[in-house]
């Protein structure tokens, strides 16, 4: 089966019933995978070519200090499905990918019940099936956490089996999304989750040629030293992704949907890219928890750069707010609606967590000690389960090399951040409050 035949058979779009006239916006949620926060040109990296993503960020609100709530693939998805911290929902890590018994309905399910057509395309990587989490359709999707890029094994619809599909996985997901957008006839939430730039990297030759033979490709803000990293391959798959998202945005505009569609672009986690001798994520350093994070389209104000810290847990609260849907339970995030519509911030702190210190939580023999993290524009406090703590001045020490936790001159900052962290833990009934 070739790519076009697959997409035509997978779309199943005729089943979406038309609703009465509604001004509720559409949502397209673009999730990249293992995306270093500065691997976009618009985020201060002149070495990478991402013209379409750069243009999209400039047409909206770019949260340059955006971070992921839990920096790993499966729990990051769980946070955006539930609007809850991992220790609230039970979906803790890649080694524990199911929600706790009795949890639900997801935010996606709440959107579906309110009349939205909820559609999954792309990577899934959690234990429950998409239809159990509120998706009405899944034209083309990846069941597990990783895939080869060329001729991948994908599924169509619910209950299907893996089938090899000819083509590049980034193009396949994009083509399926374009077909969906062109046929949608009621307010929709399209969850489009790419696996780029997750390994094993493979991009078309024209993208590799952009970078081959060039030296010192690391982003300007990337910590020096550490492990050697293949920036050529990494940048290539990001540039391939960039071209695909440009095609999707063009399709949204041609369908007349731009003025009523809010597009979010967020990395599902960052990637250390060799910094601090680490080639993964999960850890509390900037390259791991900080991600590309912006929104554009619909009522979103254009040309705004926001330095206030926000986190991925705020996105599902924003969907419900913009869609005028009252949450079924208290969410752990806060809506970004006012910031998106007015272009002004007001956020003082954002939080990230890691809660699974077991061997196997990373799908390796390594362990990462559980931690809680609070970040402002200027400082970061990390508190580990062992009660170790680290305080960093991110403006003077962007590579997080000088722990100021024992500096008496910074005691006021330390106490302020610990107070914010304590309040967050109490608000979300986090048993880790005992670490303080």
Protein backbone atom coordinates (compact mmCIF):
# COMPACT_ATOMS: atom_id res chain seq x y z
CA UNK A 1 0.00 0.00 0.00
CA UNK A 2 1.46 3.36 -0.97
CA UNK A 3 1.24 6.58 1.07
CA UNK A 4 -1.68 8.13 -0.80
CA UNK A 5 -3.74 4.93 -0.72
CA UNK A 6 -3.04 4.58 2.99
CA UNK A 7 -4.11 8.13 3.82
CA UNK A 8 -7.27 7.92 1.72
CA UNK A 9 -8.29 4.67 3.40
CA UNK A 10 -7.28 5.93 6.85
CA UNK A 11 -9.04 9.27 6.88
CA UNK A 12 -12.59 8.18 7.72
CA UNK A 13 -13.63 11.81 7.76
CA UNK A 14 -17.17 11.45 6.43
CA UNK A 15 -18.34 10.25 9.86
CA UNK A 16 -17.96 13.73 11.42
CA UNK A 17 -21.46 15.24 11.70
CA UNK A 18 -21.90 18.96 11.09
CA UNK A 19 -22.98 21.11 14.02
CA UNK A 20 -24.86 24.39 14.11
CA UNK A 21 -22.90 27.59 13.55
CA UNK A 22 -20.32 27.97 16.29
CA UNK A 23 -17.56 30.46 16.92
CA UNK A 24 -15.66 28.16 19.21
CA UNK A 25 -12.13 27.84 17.83
CA UNK A 26 -10.49 24.80 16.34
CA UNK A 27 -7.30 23.59 18.00
CA UNK A 28 -4.23 22.02 16.41
CA UNK A 29 -1.76 20.71 18.96
CA UNK A 30 1.66 20.12 17.42
CA UNK A 31 3.96 18.01 19.59
CA UNK A 32 7.58 17.55 18.55
CA UNK A 33 9.73 14.99 20.35
CA UNK A 34 13.09 15.49 22.13
CA UNK A 35 13.32 19.10 20.97
CA UNK A 36 16.12 21.29 22.40
CA UNK A 37 14.59 24.66 23.29
CA UNK A 38 16.99 26.64 21.11
CA UNK A 39 16.66 24.48 18.02
CA UNK A 40 14.50 27.04 16.27
CA UNK A 41 15.86 30.07 14.49
CA UNK A 42 13.32 32.34 16.22
CA UNK A 43 14.71 31.25 19.60
CA UNK A 44 18.12 32.74 18.89
CA UNK A 45 19.83 30.05 16.83
CA UNK A 46 21.13 31.32 13.46
CA UNK A 47 22.67 27.92 12.67
CA UNK A 48 19.42 26.00 12.13
CA UNK A 49 16.95 26.57 9.29
CA UNK A 50 13.34 26.60 10.46
CA UNK A 51 11.69 29.37 8.42
CA UNK A 52 8.13 28.04 8.69
CA UNK A 53 8.20 27.49 12.45
CA UNK A 54 9.91 30.85 12.89
CA UNK A 55 7.18 32.56 10.87
CA UNK A 56 4.44 30.77 12.81
CA UNK A 57 5.97 31.79 16.16
CA UNK A 58 6.22 35.40 14.99
CA UNK A 59 2.55 35.37 14.00
CA UNK A 60 1.60 34.55 17.58
CA UNK A 61 2.83 34.46 21.17
CA UNK A 62 6.25 32.86 21.75
CA UNK A 63 6.84 31.72 25.33
CA UNK A 64 10.64 31.78 25.32
CA UNK A 65 10.81 30.43 28.89
CA UNK A 66 8.24 27.70 28.29
CA UNK A 67 8.95 24.39 29.96
CA UNK A 68 7.59 20.89 30.02
CA UNK A 69 5.83 19.69 33.17
CA UNK A 70 7.52 16.28 33.12
CA UNK A 71 10.41 15.80 30.73
CA UNK A 72 9.76 12.38 29.22
CA UNK A 73 7.62 11.19 26.33
CA UNK A 74 4.80 9.21 27.96
CA UNK A 75 4.22 11.34 31.08
CA UNK A 76 4.39 14.52 29.01
CA UNK A 77 1.49 13.20 26.96
CA UNK A 78 -0.36 12.20 30.11
CA UNK A 79 -0.06 15.73 31.47
CA UNK A 80 -1.55 17.25 28.31
CA UNK A 81 -4.35 14.69 28.22
CA UNK A 82 -5.31 15.09 31.86
CA UNK A 83 -4.31 18.62 32.88
CA UNK A 84 -2.87 17.03 36.03
CA UNK A 85 0.58 16.44 37.47
CA UNK A 86 1.91 12.92 37.03
CA UNK A 87 1.62 12.21 40.76
CA UNK A 88 -2.07 13.15 40.53
CA UNK A 89 -2.94 11.09 37.44
CA UNK A 90 -0.64 8.11 38.10
CA UNK A 91 0.97 8.21 34.64
CA UNK A 92 4.48 8.72 35.98
CA UNK A 93 7.02 7.71 33.34
CA UNK A 94 7.85 5.60 30.30
CA UNK A 95 7.97 2.73 32.80
CA UNK A 96 4.49 3.46 34.16
CA UNK A 97 2.29 4.58 31.27
CA UNK A 98 -1.22 4.05 32.64
CA UNK A 99 -3.49 6.40 34.57
CA UNK A 100 -4.50 5.48 38.11
CA UNK A 101 -7.74 3.44 38.43
CA UNK A 102 -10.83 5.57 38.28
CA UNK A 103 -9.14 8.55 36.67
CA UNK A 104 -11.07 10.50 34.05
CA UNK A 105 -12.50 11.85 31.91
CA UNK A 106 -9.48 13.32 30.13
CA UNK A 107 -9.58 16.90 28.93
CA UNK A 108 -9.79 15.54 25.37
CA UNK A 109 -12.87 13.53 26.38
CA UNK A 110 -14.40 16.64 27.93
CA UNK A 111 -13.81 18.49 24.65
CA UNK A 112 -15.43 15.65 22.71
CA UNK A 113 -18.50 15.65 24.93
CA UNK A 114 -18.89 19.38 24.36
CA UNK A 115 -19.16 18.84 20.59
CA UNK A 116 -15.55 18.88 19.38
CA UNK A 117 -14.32 16.36 16.83
CA UNK A 118 -11.23 14.97 18.57
CA UNK A 119 -8.63 13.42 16.30
CA UNK A 120 -5.26 11.81 16.96
CA UNK A 121 -2.55 11.64 14.30
CA UNK A 122 1.00 10.60 15.14
CA UNK A 123 2.84 9.16 18.10
CA UNK A 124 0.81 7.86 21.06
CA UNK A 125 3.09 5.98 23.53
CA UNK A 126 0.82 5.49 26.55
CA UNK A 127 -1.01 2.44 27.81
CA UNK A 128 -4.70 3.34 27.30
CA UNK A 129 -5.97 3.24 23.74
CA UNK A 130 -6.76 6.60 22.08
CA UNK A 131 -10.52 5.96 22.16
CA UNK A 132 -10.29 5.42 25.94
CA UNK A 133 -8.82 8.92 26.26
CA UNK A 134 -11.50 10.77 24.33
CA UNK A 135 -10.42 10.59 20.69
CA UNK A 136 -13.24 10.09 18.20
CA UNK A 137 -10.88 9.02 15.41
CA UNK A 138 -7.25 8.15 14.77
CA UNK A 139 -6.62 8.14 11.02
CA UNK A 140 -2.88 7.41 11.24
CA UNK A 141 -0.91 6.77 14.38
CA UNK A 142 2.14 5.20 15.98
CA UNK A 143 1.30 2.90 18.89
CA UNK A 144 4.68 2.84 20.60
CA UNK A 145 7.30 5.34 21.58
CA UNK A 146 9.71 5.17 18.68
CA UNK A 147 9.90 4.32 15.00
CA UNK A 148 12.15 4.29 12.03
CA UNK A 149 11.51 7.32 9.86
CA UNK A 150 11.38 5.65 6.45
CA UNK A 151 8.57 3.16 5.72
CA UNK A 152 7.35 3.02 9.33
CA UNK A 153 4.91 0.55 10.88
CA UNK A 154 1.73 2.53 11.64
CA UNK A 155 -1.93 1.93 12.46
CA UNK A 156 -5.14 3.35 11.07
CA UNK A 157 -8.30 3.56 13.10
CA UNK A 158 -9.01 1.94 16.43
CA UNK A 159 -8.19 -1.69 16.99
CA UNK A 160 -5.99 -1.89 13.92
CA UNK A 161 -2.68 -3.67 13.56
CA UNK A 162 0.69 -2.26 12.57
CA UNK A 163 1.22 -2.05 8.82
CA UNK A 164 4.28 -0.88 6.94
CA UNK A 165 3.58 2.34 5.05
CA UNK A 166 5.80 3.63 2.27
CA UNK A 167 7.19 7.09 2.85
CA UNK A 168 8.78 9.28 5.49
CA UNK A 169 6.94 9.32 8.81
CA UNK A 170 6.96 13.13 9.06
CA UNK A 171 5.37 13.44 5.61
CA UNK A 172 2.86 10.67 6.33
CA UNK A 173 1.56 12.33 9.48
CA UNK A 174 1.45 15.73 7.77
CA UNK A 175 -0.45 14.43 4.74
CA UNK A 176 -3.00 12.75 7.02
CA UNK A 177 -3.41 16.00 8.96
CA UNK A 178 -3.88 18.03 5.78
CA UNK A 179 -6.54 15.62 4.54
CA UNK A 180 -8.31 15.95 7.88
CA UNK A 181 -8.18 19.76 7.98
CA UNK A 182 -9.51 20.02 4.45
CA UNK A 183 -12.51 17.82 5.30
CA UNK A 184 -13.34 18.97 8.85
CA UNK A 185 -16.85 20.35 9.17
CA UNK A 186 -17.22 21.16 12.85
CA UNK A 187 -15.03 22.51 15.67
CA UNK A 188 -12.12 20.16 16.12
CA UNK A 189 -9.17 19.34 18.32
CA UNK A 190 -6.40 17.80 16.22
CA UNK A 191 -3.63 16.25 18.30
CA UNK A 192 -0.74 15.93 15.83
CA UNK A 193 2.24 14.32 17.54
CA UNK A 194 5.41 13.96 15.49
CA UNK A 195 8.29 11.69 16.45
CA UNK A 196 10.85 14.15 15.04
CA UNK A 197 13.48 14.88 16.25
CA UNK A 198 13.55 11.62 18.26
CA UNK A 199 16.14 9.03 17.23
CA UNK A 200 16.81 7.15 14.95
CA UNK A 201 17.20 10.28 12.82
CA UNK A 202 16.60 10.12 9.08
CA UNK A 203 15.85 13.07 6.81
CA UNK A 204 15.70 13.54 3.05
CA UNK A 205 19.01 14.34 1.42
CA UNK A 206 18.14 17.97 0.74
CA UNK A 207 17.84 18.62 4.48
CA UNK A 208 21.16 17.01 5.34
CA UNK A 209 22.87 19.10 2.69
CA UNK A 210 21.91 22.21 4.64
CA UNK A 211 24.31 21.23 7.40
CA UNK A 212 26.94 18.78 6.16
CA UNK A 213 30.47 20.12 6.19
CA UNK A 214 29.67 22.84 8.72
CA UNK A 215 31.43 23.01 12.07
CA UNK A 216 30.27 24.25 15.45
CA UNK A 217 26.56 23.70 14.85
CA UNK A 218 25.59 23.69 18.53
CA UNK A 219 23.06 26.38 19.49
CA UNK A 220 24.59 29.54 20.96
CA UNK A 221 23.12 28.89 24.41
CA UNK A 222 24.07 25.20 24.51
CA UNK A 223 26.43 24.30 27.34
CA UNK A 224 29.99 23.71 26.07
CA UNK A 225 31.83 20.43 26.56
CA UNK A 226 30.01 17.21 27.33
CA UNK A 227 29.46 14.36 24.91
CA UNK A 228 29.91 14.64 21.19
CA UNK A 229 26.57 15.10 19.42
CA UNK A 230 25.38 14.61 15.83
CA UNK A 231 23.97 18.06 15.14
CA UNK A 232 23.82 17.42 11.39
CA UNK A 233 21.29 14.60 11.70
CA UNK A 234 19.39 16.31 14.51
CA UNK A 235 19.03 19.59 12.62
CA UNK A 236 18.11 17.75 9.42
CA UNK A 237 15.02 16.08 10.87
CA UNK A 238 13.95 19.37 12.48
CA UNK A 239 14.24 21.18 9.13
CA UNK A 240 12.22 18.38 7.53
CA UNK A 241 9.59 18.82 10.24
CA UNK A 242 9.65 22.57 9.64
CA UNK A 243 8.82 22.13 5.95
CA UNK A 244 5.93 19.82 6.82
CA UNK A 245 4.42 22.24 9.30
CA UNK A 246 4.67 24.95 6.66
CA UNK A 247 2.55 22.75 4.38
CA UNK A 248 0.00 22.21 7.16
CA UNK A 249 -0.32 25.92 7.94
CA UNK A 250 -0.86 26.61 4.24
CA UNK A 251 -3.65 24.01 4.23
CA UNK A 252 -5.30 25.65 7.25
CA UNK A 253 -5.22 29.01 5.48
CA UNK A 254 -6.56 27.62 2.19
CA UNK A 255 -9.41 25.98 4.09
CA UNK A 256 -10.34 29.40 5.48
CA UNK A 257 -9.68 28.27 9.04
CA UNK A 258 -6.76 30.47 10.15
CA UNK A 259 -8.90 33.12 11.84
CA UNK A 260 -10.67 30.50 13.95
CA UNK A 261 -7.90 27.97 14.64
CA UNK A 262 -5.44 28.13 17.53
CA UNK A 263 -2.22 26.27 16.75
CA UNK A 264 0.06 25.27 19.63
CA UNK A 265 3.61 24.08 19.00
CA UNK A 266 5.39 22.47 21.97
CA UNK A 267 8.24 20.01 22.45
CA UNK A 268 7.13 16.95 24.43
CA UNK A 269 10.42 17.30 26.28
CA UNK A 270 13.78 18.87 25.70
CA UNK A 271 16.99 17.02 24.92
CA UNK A 272 20.39 17.35 26.56
CA UNK A 273 22.23 16.84 23.24
CA UNK A 274 25.40 15.84 25.10
CA UNK A 275 25.38 18.67 27.65
CA UNK A 276 26.58 17.59 31.09
CA UNK A 277 27.52 14.26 29.44
CA UNK A 278 23.84 13.34 29.00
CA UNK A 279 22.08 12.49 25.74
CA UNK A 280 18.57 12.13 27.07
CA UNK A 281 16.02 14.12 29.00
CA UNK A 282 14.24 13.67 32.41
CA UNK A 283 16.97 15.51 34.33
CA UNK A 284 16.16 19.03 35.68
CA UNK A 285 18.61 21.01 33.55
CA UNK A 286 17.49 23.65 31.05
CA UNK A 287 18.20 21.56 27.92
CA UNK A 288 15.91 18.84 29.32
CA UNK A 289 12.94 20.77 30.74
CA UNK A 290 12.86 23.89 28.57
CA UNK A 291 11.20 23.48 25.16
CA UNK A 292 9.99 25.40 22.09
CA UNK A 293 6.57 26.69 23.13
CA UNK A 294 4.31 29.04 21.16
CA UNK A 295 0.77 29.55 19.89
CA UNK A 296 -0.66 31.35 16.85
CA UNK A 297 -3.88 31.79 14.89
CA UNK A 298 -7.45 32.58 15.84
CA UNK A 299 -7.67 35.15 18.64
CA UNK A 300 -3.95 34.89 19.48
CA UNK A 301 -2.17 38.24 19.38
CA UNK A 302 0.58 38.41 16.76
CA UNK A 303 4.23 39.30 17.18
CA UNK A 304 4.54 38.82 20.94
CA UNK A 305 7.54 37.43 22.83
CA UNK A 306 6.74 36.52 26.45
CA UNK A 307 9.50 35.87 28.98
CA UNK A 308 7.20 34.81 31.82
CA UNK A 309 7.58 31.13 32.71
CA UNK A 310 4.75 28.81 31.63
CA UNK A 311 4.45 25.03 31.50
CA UNK A 312 2.78 22.42 29.33
CA UNK A 313 0.25 21.67 32.06
CA UNK A 314 -1.31 25.06 31.22
CA UNK A 315 -2.27 23.98 27.68
CA UNK A 316 -5.31 21.75 28.42
CA UNK A 317 -6.68 24.42 30.76
CA UNK A 318 -6.34 26.87 27.87
CA UNK A 319 -8.23 24.60 25.47
CA UNK A 320 -11.16 24.30 27.84
CA UNK A 321 -11.20 28.03 28.55
CA UNK A 322 -11.15 29.06 24.88
CA UNK A 323 -13.76 26.39 24.05
CA UNK A 324 -15.99 27.58 26.90
CA UNK A 325 -16.02 24.16 28.55
CA UNK A 326 -16.16 23.96 32.35
CA UNK A 327 -13.61 21.41 33.65
CA UNK A 328 -14.98 18.26 35.25
CA UNK A 329 -12.35 18.48 38.00
CA UNK A 330 -9.80 20.94 39.32
CA UNK A 331 -6.92 21.21 36.86
CA UNK A 332 -3.33 21.70 37.99
CA UNK A 333 -2.57 24.18 35.20
CA UNK A 334 -3.84 27.69 34.55
CA UNK A 335 -5.32 28.98 31.31
CA UNK A 336 -3.06 31.07 29.09
CA UNK A 337 -6.05 32.69 27.39
CA UNK A 338 -5.48 36.22 28.69
CA UNK A 339 -1.85 36.14 27.63
CA UNK A 340 -2.68 34.78 24.17
CA UNK A 341 -5.41 37.32 23.50
CA UNK A 342 -3.74 40.37 25.07
CA UNK A 343 -0.06 39.59 24.61
CA UNK A 344 0.74 40.33 28.23
CA UNK A 345 2.20 37.93 30.76
CA UNK A 346 1.68 38.05 34.50
CA UNK A 347 3.09 34.62 35.34
CA UNK A 348 5.78 34.58 38.02
CA UNK A 349 6.70 30.88 38.22
CA UNK A 350 6.33 27.52 36.50
CA UNK A 351 6.96 24.02 37.83
CA UNK A 352 8.36 20.71 36.62
CA UNK A 353 8.55 17.32 38.28
CA UNK A 354 10.10 13.88 38.04
CA UNK A 355 8.47 11.25 40.20
CA UNK A 356 9.75 7.80 39.20
CA UNK A 357 13.18 6.92 40.57
CA UNK A 358 12.97 3.21 39.78
CA UNK A 359 15.37 1.33 37.54
CA UNK A 360 13.42 0.89 34.30
CA UNK A 361 11.62 4.20 34.43
CA UNK A 362 13.96 5.38 31.67
CA UNK A 363 13.87 2.05 29.79
CA UNK A 364 17.55 1.73 30.76
CA UNK A 365 19.49 0.68 33.85
CA UNK A 366 19.97 4.31 34.77
CA UNK A 367 18.01 6.05 37.49
CA UNK A 368 17.13 9.70 38.00
CA UNK A 369 16.34 10.78 41.52
CA UNK A 370 12.83 12.24 41.85
CA UNK A 371 12.76 16.03 42.07
CA UNK A 372 10.56 19.10 42.08
CA UNK A 373 11.55 22.27 40.24
CA UNK A 374 10.34 25.87 40.29
CA UNK A 375 11.53 28.40 37.72
CA UNK A 376 11.07 32.15 37.39
CA UNK A 377 12.39 34.45 34.68
CA UNK A 378 15.71 34.70 36.48
CA UNK A 379 16.18 31.77 38.87
CA UNK A 380 15.60 28.05 39.27
CA UNK A 381 15.33 25.99 42.44
CA UNK A 382 15.61 22.19 42.30
CA UNK A 383 14.64 20.04 45.28
CA UNK A 384 15.47 16.34 45.21
CA UNK A 385 13.91 13.49 47.19
CA UNK A 386 17.11 13.22 49.23
CA UNK A 387 16.47 16.85 50.26
CA UNK A 388 19.47 18.11 48.32
CA UNK A 389 18.74 21.45 46.72
CA UNK A 390 20.24 23.62 44.03
CA UNK A 391 19.65 27.28 43.23
CA UNK A 392 20.78 28.83 39.94
CA UNK A 393 20.85 32.38 38.64
CA UNK A 394 19.89 31.65 35.04
CA UNK A 395 20.85 35.04 33.68
CA UNK A 396 24.37 35.03 35.09
CA UNK A 397 24.81 31.25 34.96
CA UNK A 398 22.75 29.89 32.02
CA UNK A 399 24.62 26.56 32.04
CA UNK A 400 23.72 25.89 35.69
CA UNK A 401 27.23 25.37 36.97
CA UNK A 402 27.23 27.44 40.20
CA UNK A 403 24.88 26.19 42.94
CA UNK A 404 23.91 29.20 45.10
CA UNK A 405 21.78 27.31 47.64
CA UNK A 406 24.31 27.86 50.43
CA UNK A 407 25.04 31.50 49.53
CA UNK A 408 23.76 33.63 52.42
CA UNK A 409 23.37 36.60 50.08
CA UNK A 410 20.77 34.63 48.11
CA UNK A 411 18.81 33.42 51.13
CA UNK A 412 15.86 35.67 50.31
CA UNK A 413 15.59 34.27 46.78
CA UNK A 414 15.92 30.72 48.08
CA UNK A 415 13.19 31.19 50.67
CA UNK A 416 10.89 32.83 48.13
CA UNK A 417 11.23 29.95 45.69
CA UNK A 418 10.83 27.34 48.41
CA UNK A 419 7.64 29.11 49.46
CA UNK A 420 6.32 28.98 45.90
CA UNK A 421 7.21 25.30 45.65
CA UNK A 422 5.55 24.50 48.97
CA UNK A 423 2.37 26.29 47.93
CA UNK A 424 2.32 24.35 44.67
CA UNK A 425 2.77 21.03 46.44
CA UNK A 426 -0.01 21.79 48.88
CA UNK A 427 -2.32 22.97 46.10
CA UNK A 428 -1.84 19.74 44.16
CA UNK A 429 -1.73 17.46 47.23
CA UNK A 430 1.83 16.41 46.48
CA UNK A 431 3.20 14.10 49.17
CA UNK A 432 6.70 15.32 48.25
CA UNK A 433 5.98 18.35 50.43
CA UNK A 434 7.71 16.29 53.11
CA UNK A 435 11.02 16.87 51.29
CA UNK A 436 10.97 20.54 52.33
